[in-house]
């Protein structure tokens, strides 16, 4: 199986059509190494989603939508890093999806290695809103 990072094709079209809005509900779900998720993955799926203590299928709601322009690059990120508390999770990647728009995939992330928590906090650190670090970047 494979996890391949990138903005989903469905999201690119949705952003261009103005379907995705800052007020929509965006979520992040975690996936293990068995997942087959790529930028061609159109909607959130439970196939390969992690199973673990204090992890609920579908992931967490992202809070603090931020967008802006840095130089010639438009960027999107969220202000608050999602945290699964007291969790036992082994994640290899993640999917951010728009729960307000039929669970369309926004972004697929491959962490490059398993990220593990054992009865502790599992945190996805949200990057700052810049041209080089923004989670989603259009150059």
C-alpha atoms as a PDB file:
ATOM      1  CA  UNK A   1       0.000   0.000   0.000  1.00  0.00           C
ATOM      2  CA  UNK A   2       1.052   3.593  -0.327  1.00  0.00           C
ATOM      3  CA  UNK A   3       0.551   6.970   1.239  1.00  0.00           C
ATOM      4  CA  UNK A   4       1.472   9.766  -1.153  1.00  0.00           C
ATOM      5  CA  UNK A   5       1.408  13.381   0.043  1.00  0.00           C
ATOM      6  CA  UNK A   6      -0.335  16.130  -1.861  1.00  0.00           C
ATOM      7  CA  UNK A   7      -3.361  18.353  -2.244  1.00  0.00           C
ATOM      8  CA  UNK A   8      -6.176  16.196  -3.555  1.00  0.00           C
ATOM      9  CA  UNK A   9      -7.391  16.676  -7.104  1.00  0.00           C
ATOM     10  CA  UNK A  10     -10.946  17.011  -5.710  1.00  0.00           C
ATOM     11  CA  UNK A  11      -9.801  19.848  -3.431  1.00  0.00           C
ATOM     12  CA  UNK A  12      -8.056  21.716  -6.234  1.00  0.00           C
ATOM     13  CA  UNK A  13     -11.297  21.748  -8.196  1.00  0.00           C
ATOM     14  CA  UNK A  14     -13.370  22.646  -5.102  1.00  0.00           C
ATOM     15  CA  UNK A  15     -11.080  25.575  -4.219  1.00  0.00           C
ATOM     16  CA  UNK A  16     -11.217  26.884  -7.800  1.00  0.00           C
ATOM     17  CA  UNK A  17     -15.018  26.632  -7.862  1.00  0.00           C
ATOM     18  CA  UNK A  18     -15.324  28.337  -4.484  1.00  0.00           C
ATOM     19  CA  UNK A  19     -16.938  25.279  -2.899  1.00  0.00           C
ATOM     20  CA  UNK A  20     -14.533  25.125   0.068  1.00  0.00           C
ATOM     21  CA  UNK A  21     -15.029  27.983   2.520  1.00  0.00           C
ATOM     22  CA  UNK A  22     -13.219  29.089   5.712  1.00  0.00           C
ATOM     23  CA  UNK A  23     -16.402  28.445   7.719  1.00  0.00           C
ATOM     24  CA  UNK A  24     -16.623  24.782   6.629  1.00  0.00           C
ATOM     25  CA  UNK A  25     -15.801  22.005   9.106  1.00  0.00           C
ATOM     26  CA  UNK A  26     -12.414  20.482   8.307  1.00  0.00           C
ATOM     27  CA  UNK A  27     -11.199  17.328  10.039  1.00  0.00           C
ATOM     28  CA  UNK A  28      -7.951  15.376  10.272  1.00  0.00           C
ATOM     29  CA  UNK A  29      -7.919  11.576  10.369  1.00  0.00           C
ATOM     30  CA  UNK A  30      -4.850   9.399  10.956  1.00  0.00           C
ATOM     31  CA  UNK A  31      -3.807   6.370   8.912  1.00  0.00           C
ATOM     32  CA  UNK A  32      -1.425   3.444   9.360  1.00  0.00           C
ATOM     33  CA  UNK A  33       1.086   2.026   6.892  1.00  0.00           C
ATOM     34  CA  UNK A  34      -1.541  -0.267   5.315  1.00  0.00           C
ATOM     35  CA  UNK A  35      -3.490   2.715   3.938  1.00  0.00           C
ATOM     36  CA  UNK A  36      -3.730   3.411   0.232  1.00  0.00           C
ATOM     37  CA  UNK A  37      -4.285   7.179   0.120  1.00  0.00           C
ATOM     38  CA  UNK A  38      -2.996   9.606  -2.503  1.00  0.00           C
ATOM     39  CA  UNK A  39      -3.978  12.953  -4.037  1.00  0.00           C
ATOM     40  CA  UNK A  40      -6.356  10.894  -6.198  1.00  0.00           C
ATOM     41  CA  UNK A  41      -8.319   9.915  -3.066  1.00  0.00           C
ATOM     42  CA  UNK A  42     -11.482  11.994  -3.506  1.00  0.00           C
ATOM     43  CA  UNK A  43     -13.220  11.415  -0.154  1.00  0.00           C
ATOM     44  CA  UNK A  44     -12.352  10.422   3.389  1.00  0.00           C
ATOM     45  CA  UNK A  45     -12.225   6.649   3.857  1.00  0.00           C
ATOM     46  CA  UNK A  46     -11.918   4.431   6.923  1.00  0.00           C
ATOM     47  CA  UNK A  47      -9.754   1.906   5.063  1.00  0.00           C
ATOM     48  CA  UNK A  48      -6.349   1.944   6.759  1.00  0.00           C
ATOM     49  CA  UNK A  49      -7.451   4.434   9.417  1.00  0.00           C
ATOM     50  CA  UNK A  50      -5.675   3.874  12.720  1.00  0.00           C
ATOM     51  CA  UNK A  51      -7.277   1.989  15.566  1.00  0.00           C
ATOM     52  CA  UNK A  52      -6.115   2.858  19.039  1.00  0.00           C
ATOM     53  CA  UNK A  53      -6.928   3.953  22.536  1.00  0.00           C
ATOM     54  CA  UNK A  54      -8.727   7.332  22.532  1.00  0.00           C
ATOM     55  CA  UNK A  55      -8.772   7.551  18.744  1.00  0.00           C
ATOM     56  CA  UNK A  56     -12.243   7.878  17.210  1.00  0.00           C
ATOM     57  CA  UNK A  57     -12.780   7.081  13.537  1.00  0.00           C
ATOM     58  CA  UNK A  58     -13.106  10.249  11.521  1.00  0.00           C
ATOM     59  CA  UNK A  59     -10.426  12.038  13.521  1.00  0.00           C
ATOM     60  CA  UNK A  60     -10.651  15.493  15.058  1.00  0.00           C
ATOM     61  CA  UNK A  61     -12.126  18.802  13.943  1.00  0.00           C
ATOM     62  CA  UNK A  62      -9.485  21.349  12.962  1.00  0.00           C
ATOM     63  CA  UNK A  63      -9.826  24.722  14.662  1.00  0.00           C
ATOM     64  CA  UNK A  64      -8.756  28.209  13.640  1.00  0.00           C
ATOM     65  CA  UNK A  65      -8.799  28.186   9.823  1.00  0.00           C
ATOM     66  CA  UNK A  66      -6.198  30.642   8.536  1.00  0.00           C
ATOM     67  CA  UNK A  67      -5.463  31.714   4.986  1.00  0.00           C
ATOM     68  CA  UNK A  68      -3.250  34.364   3.505  1.00  0.00           C
ATOM     69  CA  UNK A  69      -0.670  35.251   0.905  1.00  0.00           C
ATOM     70  CA  UNK A  70       3.077  35.288   1.475  1.00  0.00           C
ATOM     71  CA  UNK A  71       4.861  36.736  -1.564  1.00  0.00           C
ATOM     72  CA  UNK A  72       3.257  34.936  -4.508  1.00  0.00           C
ATOM     73  CA  UNK A  73       2.132  31.901  -2.505  1.00  0.00           C
ATOM     74  CA  UNK A  74      -1.388  31.505  -1.114  1.00  0.00           C
ATOM     75  CA  UNK A  75      -1.394  29.449   2.092  1.00  0.00           C
ATOM     76  CA  UNK A  76      -3.837  27.674   4.381  1.00  0.00           C
ATOM     77  CA  UNK A  77      -3.260  26.263   7.853  1.00  0.00           C
ATOM     78  CA  UNK A  78      -5.131  26.017  11.152  1.00  0.00           C
ATOM     79  CA  UNK A  79      -4.229  27.898  14.329  1.00  0.00           C
ATOM     80  CA  UNK A  80      -4.658  25.037  16.791  1.00  0.00           C
ATOM     81  CA  UNK A  81      -2.688  21.777  16.640  1.00  0.00           C
ATOM     82  CA  UNK A  82      -5.050  18.815  17.102  1.00  0.00           C
ATOM     83  CA  UNK A  83      -4.211  16.567  20.060  1.00  0.00           C
ATOM     84  CA  UNK A  84      -5.429  13.057  20.813  1.00  0.00           C
ATOM     85  CA  UNK A  85      -5.074  12.904  24.610  1.00  0.00           C
ATOM     86  CA  UNK A  86      -3.970   9.803  26.537  1.00  0.00           C
ATOM     87  CA  UNK A  87      -3.851   7.945  23.248  1.00  0.00           C
ATOM     88  CA  UNK A  88      -2.116   4.854  21.978  1.00  0.00           C
ATOM     89  CA  UNK A  89      -1.713   5.506  18.251  1.00  0.00           C
ATOM     90  CA  UNK A  90       0.662   4.343  15.532  1.00  0.00           C
ATOM     91  CA  UNK A  91       0.159   6.625  12.512  1.00  0.00           C
ATOM     92  CA  UNK A  92       2.034   6.790   9.226  1.00  0.00           C
ATOM     93  CA  UNK A  93      -0.011   9.525   7.561  1.00  0.00           C
ATOM     94  CA  UNK A  94      -3.101  11.701   7.687  1.00  0.00           C
ATOM     95  CA  UNK A  95      -5.964  12.995   5.599  1.00  0.00           C
ATOM     96  CA  UNK A  96      -7.507  16.407   6.021  1.00  0.00           C
ATOM     97  CA  UNK A  97     -11.017  16.473   4.652  1.00  0.00           C
ATOM     98  CA  UNK A  98     -13.987  18.807   4.433  1.00  0.00           C
ATOM     99  CA  UNK A  99     -16.786  17.321   6.535  1.00  0.00           C
ATOM    100  CA  UNK A 100     -19.133  20.079   5.344  1.00  0.00           C
ATOM    101  CA  UNK A 101     -18.728  19.079   1.710  1.00  0.00           C
ATOM    102  CA  UNK A 102     -19.480  15.345   1.567  1.00  0.00           C
ATOM    103  CA  UNK A 103     -16.119  14.484   3.230  1.00  0.00           C
ATOM    104  CA  UNK A 104     -14.082  15.576   0.198  1.00  0.00           C
ATOM    105  CA  UNK A 105     -10.368  15.039   0.737  1.00  0.00           C
ATOM    106  CA  UNK A 106      -8.318  18.228   0.987  1.00  0.00           C
ATOM    107  CA  UNK A 107      -4.794  17.012   1.713  1.00  0.00           C
ATOM    108  CA  UNK A 108      -2.952  13.714   2.119  1.00  0.00           C
ATOM    109  CA  UNK A 109       0.155  13.643   4.307  1.00  0.00           C
ATOM    110  CA  UNK A 110       2.829  10.944   4.494  1.00  0.00           C
ATOM    111  CA  UNK A 111       4.841  11.345   7.701  1.00  0.00           C
ATOM    112  CA  UNK A 112       7.754   9.337   6.240  1.00  0.00           C
ATOM    113  CA  UNK A 113       7.812   7.087   9.301  1.00  0.00           C
ATOM    114  CA  UNK A 114       5.455   5.795  11.959  1.00  0.00           C
ATOM    115  CA  UNK A 115       4.617   8.364  14.629  1.00  0.00           C
ATOM    116  CA  UNK A 116       3.699   6.575  17.849  1.00  0.00           C
ATOM    117  CA  UNK A 117       2.204   7.504  21.183  1.00  0.00           C
ATOM    118  CA  UNK A 118       1.706   4.994  23.969  1.00  0.00           C
ATOM    119  CA  UNK A 119      -0.807   6.138  26.554  1.00  0.00           C
ATOM    120  CA  UNK A 120       0.249   9.742  25.953  1.00  0.00           C
ATOM    121  CA  UNK A 121      -0.668  12.707  23.796  1.00  0.00           C
ATOM    122  CA  UNK A 122      -0.421  12.361  20.019  1.00  0.00           C
ATOM    123  CA  UNK A 123      -0.133  15.844  18.518  1.00  0.00           C
ATOM    124  CA  UNK A 124      -0.163  16.992  14.909  1.00  0.00           C
ATOM    125  CA  UNK A 125       1.885  20.220  14.976  1.00  0.00           C
ATOM    126  CA  UNK A 126       0.274  22.826  12.742  1.00  0.00           C
ATOM    127  CA  UNK A 127       2.858  24.843  10.811  1.00  0.00           C
ATOM    128  CA  UNK A 128       2.852  28.638  10.600  1.00  0.00           C
ATOM    129  CA  UNK A 129       1.114  30.418   7.735  1.00  0.00           C
ATOM    130  CA  UNK A 130       4.054  31.153   5.412  1.00  0.00           C
ATOM    131  CA  UNK A 131       5.015  30.375   1.819  1.00  0.00           C
ATOM    132  CA  UNK A 132       7.498  27.731   2.970  1.00  0.00           C
ATOM    133  CA  UNK A 133       5.603  26.213   5.904  1.00  0.00           C
ATOM    134  CA  UNK A 134       1.860  26.657   5.299  1.00  0.00           C
ATOM    135  CA  UNK A 135       0.125  23.293   5.367  1.00  0.00           C
ATOM    136  CA  UNK A 136      -1.554  23.895   2.011  1.00  0.00           C
ATOM    137  CA  UNK A 137       0.298  26.073  -0.487  1.00  0.00           C
ATOM    138  CA  UNK A 138      -0.647  27.334  -3.938  1.00  0.00           C
ATOM    139  CA  UNK A 139       2.309  28.901  -5.757  1.00  0.00           C
END
